[in-house]
Every structure is written in structure tokens, then in C-alpha cells.
Amino acid sequence: MSRKGTPWHSRTAEEAQAAAPKKKAPRPRMGSRPGPRGYLGVGRGAASYVEAVPEWRGTTVQVCGLWPFAAGSGTPVVGVPLGRTLTSGATLCCDPISWFQRAKLILNPSEFVLGKPGLGKSTVVRRQALGLAGYGVHPLVFGDLKPDYVDLIHALGGQVITLGRGRGALNVLDPGESIHAAGRLTGEARRALIADMHGRRLNAVGSLITIARNQPVGEREETILSTALRLLDEHHDGIPVLADLLDVVRKAPEPLRAVALDRGDMDRYRDVTENLESSLVSLLGDGRLGDMFSRPTSEPMKRDRPVCFDVSSIDDAETQLQAAALLACWSYGFGAVAAAQALADAGLEPQRHYFVILDELWRVLRAGRGLVDRVDALTRLNRQRGVGMAMITHTMSDLLALPGEDDRMKAKGFVERAGMVITGGLPSAEMPQLTQVIGMTEAEQRMIVDWSSPPAWDGLAGEEAPPPGLGNFMVKVGGRPGIPVHVDLTNAERHVNDTNRRWTR
């Protein structure tokens, strides 16, 4: 009988095994293999937490002794080093020209940058411009309103052209480099460049009149302007100014009267051209735009180096003058790019690539009716002209707040045609509009909204608390998953990225 009163021969095999005394587990021998966390058991070295091993990135030449014992990160490494991804910490290289030309990741060398103010939109573009300058691509800033790019262009040894009331002037009838390039060309190439030069000057004058009168130029008025510009090119010595164009309209030569359809009646001609004459008079210095566009160009643009048009002296309250300055700079600058490419096609100069930065896009779009068409024409041909482009604004609402439905659809097309979209922190109200243009998951939308949160209350620290989304951006290309990246500045970049200099000086 057992102590529990059950005979030993009446127990089952399971009960007998359970009643048997427990044996201690043998200690691991010297040659046995531990588990993934070490030897299990008390005092045997098992780890409850395994720390992630450090990761480095290098080429097969740099780490040839370790290859192929490495893991790929899955992020592109072609282009300008932009920052580290927020998911894996891997380096992301990203710029529209490298992703179009070398990596073949996008179909159009352009990008659209969105984000609330103060989160680093301009810093991202400056990083790309600095890296592309190392690749031999010239950054071109056609209108710096803050200024955000003047220090960078100075550091690169480029040209800074200052414009504003009482400062430099930009003659919208000045063909710039195009007239000198046309003198070196012959045949069809010369005719094409002259036609391009004529069209740009016509668009520039039409844009200024649109801003001055807050309504588009009529079809007949545009024909009169085009004919007057051709007459100036044929009979005027030197580079004309707006006063010379007004003088042609007032003299009423026969070719101008013919396109004005005056039917041989001079009084009818005066009636047809009265509004146009009044608009040109307002551009000569007495109107709201001043004389910045009617005087001879103070400093011609050079096409073989980085260039920045500094218009930061124009006050933010003068929205129409700012928009006029941006459009004039865009037209003049793209004319110089067209001249450089025409000379390269003819074998007279080396092929040059440019990275054009169009900042504060919303200011131009809201300045007057018809300006969306002007911007649309400027931004459609960048792939054919060997130009990469970065368009920068704050939110999608900037593009969709235009009064006309056709203008809103065209402005929306700026984002749709962009090769990539880089998005900083945005409020949740922007997500429905943004997802209509680019596909985004709920997790990506949540991340972008979180980045738009204001900085923490920290009045006792004695220093400004940075916003949680400072330097964080989502890179989107079509329907591909977004790449969240954080941009950190190096010590060499800090002096050209201080946009709060007036507060920190």
C-alpha cells in the first residue's frame, strides 16, 4: 500500500511517472549550441532583450570583406543624399533630375513641395540644389521673396540679381541671352529661337497688363501687342523698353491699324487701343507696379552659373507687385535657358542642365485672372528643355482657392504632372484634397497630420522648442508607398539655411 492508500500495482503508467522524483536538467556541455537568446535556465546567460546591431552603409568596394553578408534597405541611393528614413534609418538619396535621368524612377524631372510654414520646405530644396550643383547642374531661383536662397547662391559662386523699388530693374522687353545666341545661329535654329523670344516677351507684357488691370488681355489687344513688338524688332535700334512699345501703339502705323480692324477710321482705332494704351501708361512708373519693368535691365543674367533673382525688398503687402516680379523673372530666366539649349543643340556650347526653383507659387496664381495659363505654359516644357523644376507652396488649398473652376483644374494639374510630391506637415483638412491627386494610405496621412502639430509649451527652458514635424517629409511617386525621411543639416550648411537670421542675429 502507498501512503495515499493506493496500491502501487493499481496505478496507471501516467500516475507512476508523475509520482516519480524529478531529475535535475543536465548542465550544457562545453560544445553544445545555445538557443537564439543564449542558454536557457537560471544563471545560464539567457537574454530577455536582444538589442539591434549597429548598421552601416557602404559600397561593395568599401566593405568588400563583409560582402555579401549585408541586407539591402530598399530605398533609392541615386541622387542627392536627402536624409535618413524614419522607418529603417537608411539613407535616402532623392532629387528630380537624378531620379529622372539616371535612376529612371520618374517620368518628369519635376517635384511639387507642400507643407506648413516653418517646417523646412525650402531647406529640402536647398539641400537638393546644393547637391545638384556638385553634379554640374546649375540652380536657378527665379524670384526669392524672403530671401531663402541668396546665401546659397553666393556660397556657390553664383550671380545674385537684386530687383525692387529703387533698386534693380528688369526690362520685360529685354530678350537677354536670346538675342546674342540668335546672332550665333543660322537657319531653322535661329528662326525657332527668335520665335521663342518673341512669344516670351509677349507673354511677359500680357501678364503685367493682366495684373495691372486684374483681368486678362483681350484677343485683339494681344494681336496688337504682338504686331507692335515685331515692328519694334524691325525698326528700333538697341533694346526697346515699354515706353517704345507705347510709342508704336500711339503712332498707329498701317500694320497695327490693320490688325486693330479700324476700317480706315482713326477714331475707331483710338477707341480700340484706348484701354491697352492706358494699361501701358500705368506700367511706366505711375501705376501700382512702379517702373521696375520699364527701365533698362540693371544686371543681365548669365547662363553658365547659378543665379538668384532677389526680390525680397518687395513688401508682402504688395501682392500684385510680387506676382509681377515673379512672372517677369520666370519669363526672363526661361528665355536664357532656351538660349543655352539652342546653342548646345547647335554644338556651339556644352550641354547644360538647370534646376529651376519656383517658390511661393500661390502668390502668382492669386494675383489675377489668366495667370494660371501663363504658369501652365511655363511648366509644361521642362522635360524637353533639359530643366528640372521644384514648385513650392503651402497647401493644396492654395491651388484650389482660385475663383474659376478651369483655373482650379489647371492648378491641380501642376501637382498631377509633377514627377514626385514631397509633403511636409499638413492639417487633416488637406488630406481629402491631397489624396485626390496622389494615393496615400491611412498610415501615411496620419503621419503627415502628426507632423503639423505645434511645438510643445516650454517657456521655462529658455529656448524655442522645435515643432515635432521639423525636417520630416514624405516622398511620394505615383501610387508607390511613401518614403518618410528626416532631413538633418550639416555644420557646413547651417549658415546658408538660417531663415530666422533677423531674430537670431
Protein backbone atom coordinates (compact mmCIF):
# COMPACT_ATOMS: atom_id res chain seq x y z
CA MET A 1 0.00 0.00 0.00
CA SER A 2 1.23 3.54 -0.71
CA ARG A 3 1.00 6.39 1.71
CA LYS A 4 -2.05 7.69 -0.17
CA GLY A 5 -3.79 4.34 0.23
CA THR A 6 -3.50 3.27 -3.40
CA PRO A 7 -1.62 0.01 -4.13
CA TRP A 8 1.38 0.55 -6.33
CA HIS A 9 0.27 -2.16 -8.71
CA SER A 10 -3.09 -0.34 -9.17
CA ARG A 11 -1.53 2.90 -10.51
CA THR A 12 -1.56 3.79 -14.15
CA ALA A 13 1.65 4.48 -16.02
CA GLU A 14 0.89 8.22 -16.12
CA GLU A 15 0.35 8.34 -12.33
CA ALA A 16 3.51 6.43 -11.69
CA GLN A 17 5.51 8.81 -13.91
CA ALA A 18 4.04 11.83 -12.14
CA ALA A 19 4.86 10.43 -8.73
CA ALA A 20 8.44 9.66 -9.65
CA PRO A 21 11.06 12.09 -8.21
CA LYS A 22 12.11 14.91 -10.55
CA LYS A 23 15.58 14.82 -12.01
CA LYS A 24 17.64 17.98 -12.48
CA ALA A 25 18.30 19.06 -16.08
CA PRO A 26 21.87 18.31 -17.08
CA ARG A 27 24.15 21.34 -17.42
CA PRO A 28 25.05 22.12 -21.02
CA ARG A 29 28.31 20.63 -22.13
CA MET A 30 31.09 22.81 -23.48
CA GLY A 31 30.36 22.02 -27.09
CA SER A 32 26.55 22.28 -27.13
CA ARG A 33 24.86 25.12 -29.05
CA PRO A 34 22.78 27.74 -27.22
CA GLY A 35 19.41 28.96 -28.40
CA PRO A 36 18.85 32.28 -30.15
CA ARG A 37 18.83 34.07 -26.78
CA GLY A 38 21.57 32.03 -25.06
CA TYR A 39 21.44 29.05 -22.66
CA LEU A 40 18.02 28.75 -21.02
CA GLY A 41 17.77 28.41 -17.25
CA VAL A 42 18.64 30.30 -14.11
CA GLY A 43 22.14 31.76 -14.17
CA ARG A 44 22.92 30.41 -17.65
CA GLY A 45 23.06 33.71 -19.60
CA ALA A 46 19.73 33.78 -21.46
CA ALA A 47 18.88 37.28 -22.70
CA SER A 48 15.34 38.57 -22.33
CA TYR A 49 16.02 41.54 -24.70
CA VAL A 50 18.20 41.42 -27.81
CA GLU A 51 19.49 44.83 -28.81
CA ALA A 52 19.55 45.68 -32.51
CA VAL A 53 23.01 45.53 -34.01
CA PRO A 54 24.53 48.74 -35.44
CA GLU A 55 24.04 49.25 -39.17
CA TRP A 56 26.35 50.92 -41.67
CA ARG A 57 26.00 51.59 -45.36
CA GLY A 58 28.79 51.20 -47.87
CA THR A 59 29.61 50.06 -51.37
CA THR A 60 30.99 46.60 -52.19
CA VAL A 61 34.40 48.23 -52.61
CA GLN A 62 34.34 49.90 -49.19
CA VAL A 63 33.10 46.83 -47.29
CA CYS A 64 34.39 44.10 -49.58
CA GLY A 65 35.43 41.94 -46.61
CA LEU A 66 31.86 41.83 -45.30
CA TRP A 67 30.01 41.42 -48.58
CA PRO A 68 27.70 39.59 -49.23
CA PHE A 69 26.77 39.37 -45.54
CA ALA A 70 24.63 42.51 -45.67
CA ALA A 71 20.99 43.44 -46.13
CA GLY A 72 19.58 45.95 -48.61
CA SER A 73 17.47 48.81 -47.29
CA GLY A 74 15.14 49.14 -50.28
CA THR A 75 15.42 52.95 -50.58
CA PRO A 76 16.92 54.63 -53.66
CA VAL A 77 20.58 55.64 -53.39
CA VAL A 78 20.81 57.57 -56.68
CA GLY A 79 20.94 61.34 -56.41
CA VAL A 80 21.48 63.91 -53.68
CA PRO A 81 21.64 62.47 -50.11
CA LEU A 82 18.48 63.91 -48.60
CA GLY A 83 18.30 62.32 -45.14
CA ARG A 84 17.55 59.14 -43.21
CA THR A 85 14.27 57.29 -43.46
CA LEU A 86 12.13 57.26 -40.34
CA THR A 87 11.40 53.54 -40.66
CA SER A 88 14.82 51.89 -41.06
CA GLY A 89 17.31 54.72 -40.67
CA ALA A 90 18.70 54.05 -44.14
CA THR A 91 19.98 56.94 -46.24
CA LEU A 92 17.60 58.25 -48.90
CA CYS A 93 19.05 59.93 -51.99
CA CYS A 94 16.45 61.97 -53.82
CA ASP A 95 16.24 64.75 -56.39
CA PRO A 96 14.04 65.08 -59.50
CA ILE A 97 16.86 65.23 -62.06
CA SER A 98 18.78 62.14 -60.85
CA TRP A 99 15.60 60.11 -60.43
CA PHE A 100 14.57 61.02 -63.99
CA GLN A 101 17.90 60.89 -65.80
CA ARG A 102 19.85 58.14 -64.02
CA ALA A 103 17.53 56.06 -61.86
CA LYS A 104 14.55 56.13 -64.28
CA LEU A 105 12.17 56.26 -61.31
CA ILE A 106 10.01 59.17 -62.54
CA LEU A 107 8.79 60.26 -65.97
CA ASN A 108 9.14 64.01 -65.46
CA PRO A 109 12.11 65.82 -63.83
CA SER A 110 9.98 67.91 -61.51
CA GLU A 111 8.70 67.90 -57.96
CA PHE A 112 5.96 69.63 -56.03
CA VAL A 113 6.75 70.50 -52.40
CA LEU A 114 3.92 71.09 -49.90
CA GLY A 115 3.97 71.83 -46.18
CA LYS A 116 3.04 74.31 -43.48
CA PRO A 117 5.39 77.29 -42.99
CA GLY A 118 8.44 76.78 -40.81
CA LEU A 119 8.79 73.00 -41.27
CA GLY A 120 11.69 73.08 -43.75
CA LYS A 121 10.28 73.10 -47.30
CA SER A 122 12.96 75.49 -48.55
CA THR A 123 15.63 73.55 -46.63
CA VAL A 124 14.82 70.38 -48.59
CA VAL A 125 15.05 72.23 -51.91
CA ARG A 126 18.28 73.97 -50.87
CA ARG A 127 19.81 70.59 -49.99
CA GLN A 128 18.87 69.30 -53.45
CA ALA A 129 20.19 72.44 -55.16
CA LEU A 130 23.49 72.18 -53.29
CA GLY A 131 23.93 68.51 -54.18
CA LEU A 132 22.95 69.02 -57.82
CA ALA A 133 25.50 71.83 -58.08
CA GLY A 134 28.10 69.19 -57.24
CA TYR A 135 26.82 67.13 -60.16
CA GLY A 136 27.25 70.13 -62.51
CA VAL A 137 23.58 71.22 -62.55
CA HIS A 138 23.10 74.99 -62.16
CA PRO A 139 20.43 76.04 -59.61
CA LEU A 140 18.24 78.91 -60.84
CA VAL A 141 15.97 80.74 -58.39
CA PHE A 142 13.54 82.89 -60.37
CA GLY A 143 12.31 85.14 -57.59
CA ASP A 144 13.47 84.84 -53.97
CA LEU A 145 10.92 86.63 -51.79
CA LYS A 146 12.27 86.03 -48.27
CA PRO A 147 15.26 85.61 -49.22
CA ASP A 148 15.89 81.89 -48.75
CA TYR A 149 18.45 81.17 -51.45
CA VAL A 150 20.71 84.24 -51.67
CA ASP A 151 23.30 82.89 -49.23
CA LEU A 152 23.39 79.52 -51.00
CA ILE A 153 23.94 81.09 -54.43
CA HIS A 154 26.66 83.34 -53.01
CA ALA A 155 28.34 80.30 -51.44
CA LEU A 156 28.27 78.51 -54.81
CA GLY A 157 29.93 81.48 -56.53
CA GLY A 158 26.77 82.33 -58.46
CA GLN A 159 25.08 85.54 -59.53
CA VAL A 160 22.53 87.35 -57.34
CA ILE A 161 20.39 89.93 -59.18
CA THR A 162 18.60 92.36 -56.85
CA LEU A 163 15.26 93.79 -58.00
CA GLY A 164 12.77 96.13 -56.34
CA ARG A 165 11.57 99.69 -55.98
CA GLY A 166 14.59 101.98 -56.04
CA ARG A 167 16.84 99.00 -56.70
CA GLY A 168 17.49 96.98 -59.83
CA ALA A 169 15.14 96.80 -62.82
CA LEU A 170 14.16 94.03 -65.23
CA ASN A 171 13.06 95.20 -68.66
CA VAL A 172 10.36 92.78 -69.83
CA LEU A 173 11.19 93.61 -73.47
CA ASP A 174 14.84 92.68 -72.98
CA PRO A 175 15.48 89.38 -74.82
CA GLY A 176 18.57 88.82 -72.67
CA GLU A 177 20.83 85.99 -73.77
CA SER A 178 18.44 85.03 -76.58
CA ILE A 179 19.43 87.93 -78.84
CA HIS A 180 23.13 87.12 -78.52
CA ALA A 181 22.52 83.41 -79.08
CA ALA A 182 20.40 84.13 -82.16
CA GLY A 183 23.33 86.04 -83.66
CA ARG A 184 25.45 82.85 -83.46
CA LEU A 185 22.81 80.59 -85.01
CA THR A 186 21.63 80.14 -88.58
CA GLY A 187 18.70 78.61 -90.44
CA GLU A 188 15.85 76.91 -88.63
CA ALA A 189 17.55 77.06 -85.23
CA ARG A 190 17.81 80.85 -85.48
CA ARG A 191 14.17 81.23 -86.56
CA ALA A 192 12.96 78.97 -83.75
CA LEU A 193 14.88 80.90 -81.10
CA ILE A 194 13.64 84.25 -82.40
CA ALA A 195 10.04 82.97 -82.35
CA ASP A 196 10.51 81.72 -78.80
CA MET A 197 11.97 85.08 -77.79
CA HIS A 198 9.00 86.92 -79.31
CA GLY A 199 6.48 84.68 -77.56
CA ARG A 200 8.11 85.11 -74.15
CA ARG A 201 8.18 88.88 -74.37
CA LEU A 202 4.57 88.93 -75.50
CA ASN A 203 3.55 86.70 -72.59
CA ALA A 204 5.51 88.88 -70.15
CA VAL A 205 3.81 92.09 -71.29
CA GLY A 206 0.42 90.39 -71.30
CA SER A 207 0.98 89.10 -67.76
CA LEU A 208 1.90 92.55 -66.47
CA ILE A 209 -1.20 94.08 -68.04
CA THR A 210 -3.33 91.27 -66.57
CA ILE A 211 -2.01 92.03 -63.08
CA ALA A 212 -2.35 95.81 -63.51
CA ARG A 213 -6.00 95.70 -64.65
CA ASN A 214 -6.96 92.44 -62.84
CA GLN A 215 -8.40 90.88 -65.96
CA PRO A 216 -6.88 89.08 -68.95
CA VAL A 217 -5.73 90.78 -72.10
CA GLY A 218 -8.29 90.56 -74.91
CA GLU A 219 -7.64 88.64 -78.11
CA ARG A 220 -7.49 91.78 -80.27
CA GLU A 221 -5.22 93.54 -77.76
CA GLU A 222 -2.83 90.59 -77.75
CA THR A 223 -2.66 90.69 -81.56
CA ILE A 224 -1.91 94.41 -81.45
CA LEU A 225 0.86 93.84 -78.90
CA SER A 226 2.37 91.05 -81.00
CA THR A 227 2.41 93.20 -84.14
CA ALA A 228 3.87 96.17 -82.24
CA LEU A 229 6.70 94.00 -80.90
CA ARG A 230 7.55 92.82 -84.42
CA LEU A 231 7.63 96.43 -85.64
CA LEU A 232 9.98 97.33 -82.78
CA ASP A 233 12.34 94.49 -83.71
CA GLU A 234 12.41 95.67 -87.32
CA HIS A 235 12.82 99.43 -86.84
CA HIS A 236 14.18 100.07 -83.34
CA ASP A 237 17.90 100.30 -82.66
CA GLY A 238 19.05 98.62 -79.48
CA ILE A 239 16.89 97.02 -76.82
CA PRO A 240 13.43 98.65 -76.54
CA VAL A 241 11.57 99.43 -73.31
CA LEU A 242 7.85 99.72 -72.60
CA ALA A 243 7.87 103.42 -73.48
CA ASP A 244 8.97 102.49 -77.01
CA LEU A 245 6.15 99.95 -77.26
CA LEU A 246 3.64 102.58 -76.15
CA ASP A 247 5.05 105.00 -78.73
CA VAL A 248 4.43 102.46 -81.52
CA VAL A 249 0.82 101.99 -80.41
CA ARG A 250 0.26 105.74 -80.35
CA LYS A 251 1.80 106.35 -83.79
CA ALA A 252 -0.66 103.87 -85.31
CA PRO A 253 1.40 102.52 -88.23
CA GLU A 254 -0.51 100.82 -91.03
CA PRO A 255 0.26 97.18 -89.96
CA LEU A 256 -1.05 97.99 -86.48
CA ARG A 257 -4.23 99.61 -87.80
CA ALA A 258 -4.85 96.58 -89.99
CA VAL A 259 -4.84 94.10 -87.08
CA ALA A 260 -6.87 96.55 -84.95
CA LEU A 261 -9.65 96.41 -87.61
CA ASP A 262 -10.18 100.16 -87.58
CA ARG A 263 -11.82 100.07 -91.06
CA GLY A 264 -9.78 103.12 -92.10
CA ASP A 265 -11.20 105.23 -89.25
CA MET A 266 -8.59 106.68 -86.89
CA ASP A 267 -11.22 107.43 -84.25
CA ARG A 268 -12.18 103.77 -84.26
CA TYR A 269 -8.50 102.84 -83.83
CA ARG A 270 -8.24 105.14 -80.80
CA ASP A 271 -11.30 103.52 -79.27
CA VAL A 272 -9.90 100.01 -79.82
CA THR A 273 -6.50 100.81 -78.32
CA GLU A 274 -7.58 103.15 -75.51
CA ASN A 275 -7.62 100.50 -72.75
CA LEU A 276 -4.36 99.00 -73.98
CA GLU A 277 -2.71 102.43 -74.07
CA SER A 278 -3.94 103.17 -70.55
CA SER A 279 -2.53 99.88 -69.23
CA LEU A 280 0.88 100.54 -70.82
CA VAL A 281 0.96 104.01 -69.29
CA SER A 282 0.34 102.50 -65.84
CA LEU A 283 3.41 100.27 -66.31
CA LEU A 284 5.75 103.21 -66.94
CA GLY A 285 6.07 104.22 -63.29
CA ASP A 286 2.84 105.94 -62.28
CA GLY A 287 0.87 102.76 -61.68
CA ARG A 288 0.83 100.29 -58.81
CA LEU A 289 3.69 98.26 -60.35
CA GLY A 290 6.08 101.22 -60.49
CA ASP A 291 8.88 101.46 -63.02
CA MET A 292 10.71 98.24 -62.17
CA PHE A 293 9.75 96.67 -65.51
CA SER A 294 10.00 99.72 -67.77
CA ARG A 295 13.65 100.68 -67.19
CA PRO A 296 16.64 99.01 -68.87
CA THR A 297 17.77 95.80 -67.20
CA SER A 298 20.21 96.67 -64.44
CA GLU A 299 22.18 93.38 -64.49
CA PRO A 300 21.89 90.85 -67.34
CA MET A 301 21.58 87.20 -66.33
CA LYS A 302 24.46 84.82 -67.05
CA ARG A 303 23.66 81.29 -68.19
CA ASP A 304 26.85 79.49 -67.10
CA ARG A 305 26.50 79.70 -63.31
CA PRO A 306 23.89 79.53 -60.51
CA VAL A 307 21.56 82.55 -60.50
CA CYS A 308 19.14 84.00 -57.95
CA PHE A 309 16.76 86.92 -58.52
CA ASP A 310 16.46 88.59 -55.12
CA VAL A 311 13.07 90.35 -54.86
CA SER A 312 12.91 90.26 -51.05
CA SER A 313 12.77 94.07 -50.84
CA ILE A 314 9.18 93.99 -52.17
CA ASP A 315 6.83 94.16 -49.19
CA ASP A 316 4.40 91.29 -48.63
CA ALA A 317 1.51 93.76 -48.73
CA GLU A 318 2.30 94.47 -52.40
CA THR A 319 0.99 91.14 -53.63
CA GLN A 320 0.46 92.29 -57.19
CA LEU A 321 3.99 93.68 -57.49
CA GLN A 322 5.39 90.43 -56.05
CA ALA A 323 3.43 88.35 -58.55
CA ALA A 324 4.52 90.61 -61.41
CA ALA A 325 8.16 90.32 -60.33
CA LEU A 326 7.97 86.52 -60.14
CA LEU A 327 6.38 86.22 -63.58
CA ALA A 328 8.89 88.63 -65.12
CA CYS A 329 11.79 86.70 -63.59
CA TRP A 330 10.37 83.39 -64.79
CA SER A 331 9.91 84.64 -68.34
CA TYR A 332 13.36 86.25 -68.49
CA GLY A 333 15.07 83.27 -66.88
CA PHE A 334 13.44 80.64 -69.06
CA GLY A 335 14.46 82.71 -72.08
CA ALA A 336 18.11 82.41 -71.02
CA VAL A 337 17.66 78.65 -70.57
CA ALA A 338 16.17 78.36 -74.06
CA ALA A 339 19.15 80.25 -75.50
CA ALA A 340 21.62 77.96 -73.73
CA GLN A 341 19.90 74.83 -75.03
CA ALA A 342 19.72 76.21 -78.59
CA LEU A 343 23.47 76.84 -78.57
CA ALA A 344 24.10 73.36 -77.15
CA ASP A 345 21.93 71.75 -79.85
CA ALA A 346 23.97 73.58 -82.50
CA GLY A 347 27.23 72.32 -80.97
CA LEU A 348 28.39 75.82 -80.09
CA GLU A 349 28.38 75.31 -76.31
CA PRO A 350 28.36 72.34 -73.94
CA GLN A 351 25.05 70.87 -72.83
CA ARG A 352 23.97 72.41 -69.53
CA HIS A 353 21.27 71.25 -67.14
CA TYR A 354 19.41 73.55 -64.77
CA PHE A 355 17.42 73.10 -61.57
CA VAL A 356 14.74 75.79 -61.58
CA ILE A 357 13.11 76.71 -58.25
CA LEU A 358 9.66 78.33 -58.35
CA ASP A 359 8.95 79.28 -54.73
CA GLU A 360 5.77 80.87 -53.33
CA LEU A 361 3.72 79.68 -56.31
CA TRP A 362 0.44 80.70 -54.66
CA ARG A 363 1.29 84.41 -54.86
CA VAL A 364 1.27 84.36 -58.65
CA LEU A 365 -1.82 82.21 -59.01
CA ARG A 366 -3.91 84.58 -56.86
CA ALA A 367 -2.69 87.83 -58.42
CA GLY A 368 -5.20 87.91 -61.27
CA ARG A 369 -7.27 86.02 -63.78
CA GLY A 370 -5.43 84.35 -66.61
CA LEU A 371 -2.14 83.92 -64.73
CA VAL A 372 -2.69 80.18 -64.26
CA ASP A 373 -2.43 79.81 -68.03
CA ARG A 374 0.86 81.71 -68.02
CA VAL A 375 2.32 79.46 -65.31
CA ASP A 376 0.91 76.38 -67.03
CA ALA A 377 2.73 77.28 -70.25
CA LEU A 378 5.99 77.84 -68.36
CA THR A 379 5.89 74.47 -66.56
CA ARG A 380 4.94 72.10 -69.38
CA LEU A 381 8.16 72.02 -71.40
CA ASN A 382 10.80 71.46 -68.72
CA ARG A 383 11.46 67.83 -69.77
CA GLN A 384 12.10 68.80 -73.40
CA ARG A 385 14.38 71.68 -72.38
CA GLY A 386 16.64 69.70 -70.06
CA VAL A 387 15.39 71.52 -66.97
CA GLY A 388 14.49 70.08 -63.59
CA MET A 389 11.93 72.01 -61.59
CA ALA A 390 10.78 72.40 -58.00
CA MET A 391 7.44 74.12 -57.37
CA ILE A 392 6.79 75.12 -53.75
CA THR A 393 3.63 76.22 -51.98
CA HIS A 394 1.99 75.70 -48.60
CA THR A 395 -1.17 73.64 -49.09
CA MET A 396 -3.47 72.23 -51.74
CA SER A 397 -5.96 74.92 -50.72
CA ASP A 398 -3.59 77.48 -52.25
CA LEU A 399 -4.19 75.87 -55.63
CA LEU A 400 -7.89 75.13 -55.21
CA ALA A 401 -8.89 78.55 -53.81
CA LEU A 402 -8.89 80.17 -57.24
CA PRO A 403 -12.22 81.72 -58.30
CA GLY A 404 -12.61 79.92 -61.64
CA GLU A 405 -13.21 76.19 -61.95
CA ASP A 406 -11.00 75.95 -65.05
CA ASP A 407 -8.14 77.68 -63.18
CA ARG A 408 -8.54 75.29 -60.25
CA MET A 409 -8.30 72.26 -62.52
CA LYS A 410 -5.21 73.63 -64.26
CA ALA A 411 -3.54 74.40 -60.92
CA LYS A 412 -4.37 70.90 -59.72
CA GLY A 413 -2.61 69.62 -62.83
CA PHE A 414 0.66 71.15 -61.58
CA VAL A 415 0.70 68.52 -58.84
CA GLU A 416 -0.55 65.69 -61.06
CA ARG A 417 2.17 66.28 -63.67
CA ALA A 418 4.98 66.51 -61.13
CA GLY A 419 7.34 63.55 -61.15
CA MET A 420 7.34 63.38 -57.35
CA VAL A 421 5.49 65.06 -54.49
CA ILE A 422 7.31 65.88 -51.25
CA THR A 423 4.91 66.60 -48.40
CA GLY A 424 5.70 68.06 -45.01
CA GLY A 425 3.28 68.55 -42.13
CA LEU A 426 -0.27 69.37 -43.26
CA PRO A 427 -3.56 69.70 -41.34
CA SER A 428 -6.12 66.94 -41.57
CA ALA A 429 -8.43 69.15 -43.65
CA GLU A 430 -5.91 68.94 -46.50
CA MET A 431 -5.97 65.15 -46.76
CA PRO A 432 -9.15 64.76 -48.89
CA GLN A 433 -7.80 67.23 -51.46
CA LEU A 434 -4.31 65.75 -51.46
CA THR A 435 -5.48 62.14 -51.83
CA GLN A 436 -7.44 63.11 -54.94
CA VAL A 437 -4.12 63.80 -56.65
CA ILE A 438 -1.77 61.19 -55.10
CA GLY A 439 -2.73 57.93 -53.46
CA MET A 440 -1.88 57.75 -49.75
CA THR A 441 -2.58 55.12 -47.12
CA GLU A 442 -4.23 55.98 -43.82
CA ALA A 443 -0.92 55.46 -42.02
CA GLU A 444 0.82 57.93 -44.34
CA GLN A 445 -1.93 60.50 -43.87
CA ARG A 446 -1.79 60.08 -40.10
CA MET A 447 1.97 60.63 -40.12
CA ILE A 448 1.69 63.84 -42.18
CA VAL A 449 -1.06 65.22 -39.93
CA ASP A 450 1.01 64.45 -36.80
CA TRP A 451 3.91 66.42 -38.26
CA SER A 452 1.73 69.54 -38.42
CA SER A 453 1.27 69.65 -34.63
CA PRO A 454 2.55 72.85 -32.96
CA PRO A 455 5.63 72.75 -30.70
CA ALA A 456 5.27 71.86 -27.05
CA TRP A 457 4.73 74.51 -24.36
CA ASP A 458 8.21 75.02 -22.94
CA GLY A 459 8.56 78.56 -21.62
CA LEU A 460 10.98 77.62 -18.82
CA ALA A 461 13.70 76.10 -20.99
CA GLY A 462 14.85 79.47 -22.25
CA GLU A 463 14.91 78.33 -25.86
CA GLU A 464 12.45 77.67 -28.64
CA ALA A 465 11.03 74.13 -28.75
CA PRO A 466 11.17 72.79 -32.31
CA PRO A 467 7.93 71.62 -33.94
CA PRO A 468 7.52 67.82 -33.98
CA GLY A 469 7.43 67.79 -37.77
CA LEU A 470 10.51 69.95 -38.35
CA GLY A 471 12.58 68.33 -41.11
CA ASN A 472 10.17 65.41 -41.66
CA PHE A 473 8.84 64.78 -45.16
CA MET A 474 7.01 62.12 -47.14
CA VAL A 475 8.33 61.40 -50.65
CA LYS A 476 5.60 60.09 -52.95
CA VAL A 477 5.96 58.89 -56.53
CA GLY A 478 2.68 57.91 -58.14
CA GLY A 479 0.99 55.04 -56.35
CA ARG A 480 4.17 53.72 -54.76
CA PRO A 481 4.45 53.58 -50.97
CA GLY A 482 5.68 56.83 -49.49
CA ILE A 483 9.17 57.16 -48.01
CA PRO A 484 9.18 59.12 -44.72
CA VAL A 485 12.51 60.87 -44.32
CA HIS A 486 14.11 63.25 -41.81
CA VAL A 487 16.48 65.94 -43.09
CA ASP A 488 19.33 66.98 -40.78
CA LEU A 489 21.64 69.86 -41.63
CA THR A 490 25.40 69.50 -41.59
CA ASN A 491 27.58 72.17 -40.00
CA ALA A 492 28.66 73.35 -43.44
CA GLU A 493 25.03 74.02 -44.41
CA ARG A 494 23.79 75.84 -41.34
CA HIS A 495 24.95 79.32 -42.31
CA VAL A 496 23.06 79.15 -45.64
CA ASN A 497 19.90 77.72 -44.05
CA ASP A 498 19.27 80.23 -41.27
CA THR A 499 15.95 81.77 -42.40
CA ASN A 500 15.40 83.40 -38.98
CA ARG A 501 18.57 85.47 -39.15
CA ARG A 502 16.83 88.70 -38.14
CA TRP A 503 15.72 87.02 -34.90
CA THR A 504 18.90 85.10 -34.09
CA ARG A 505 21.49 87.73 -35.07
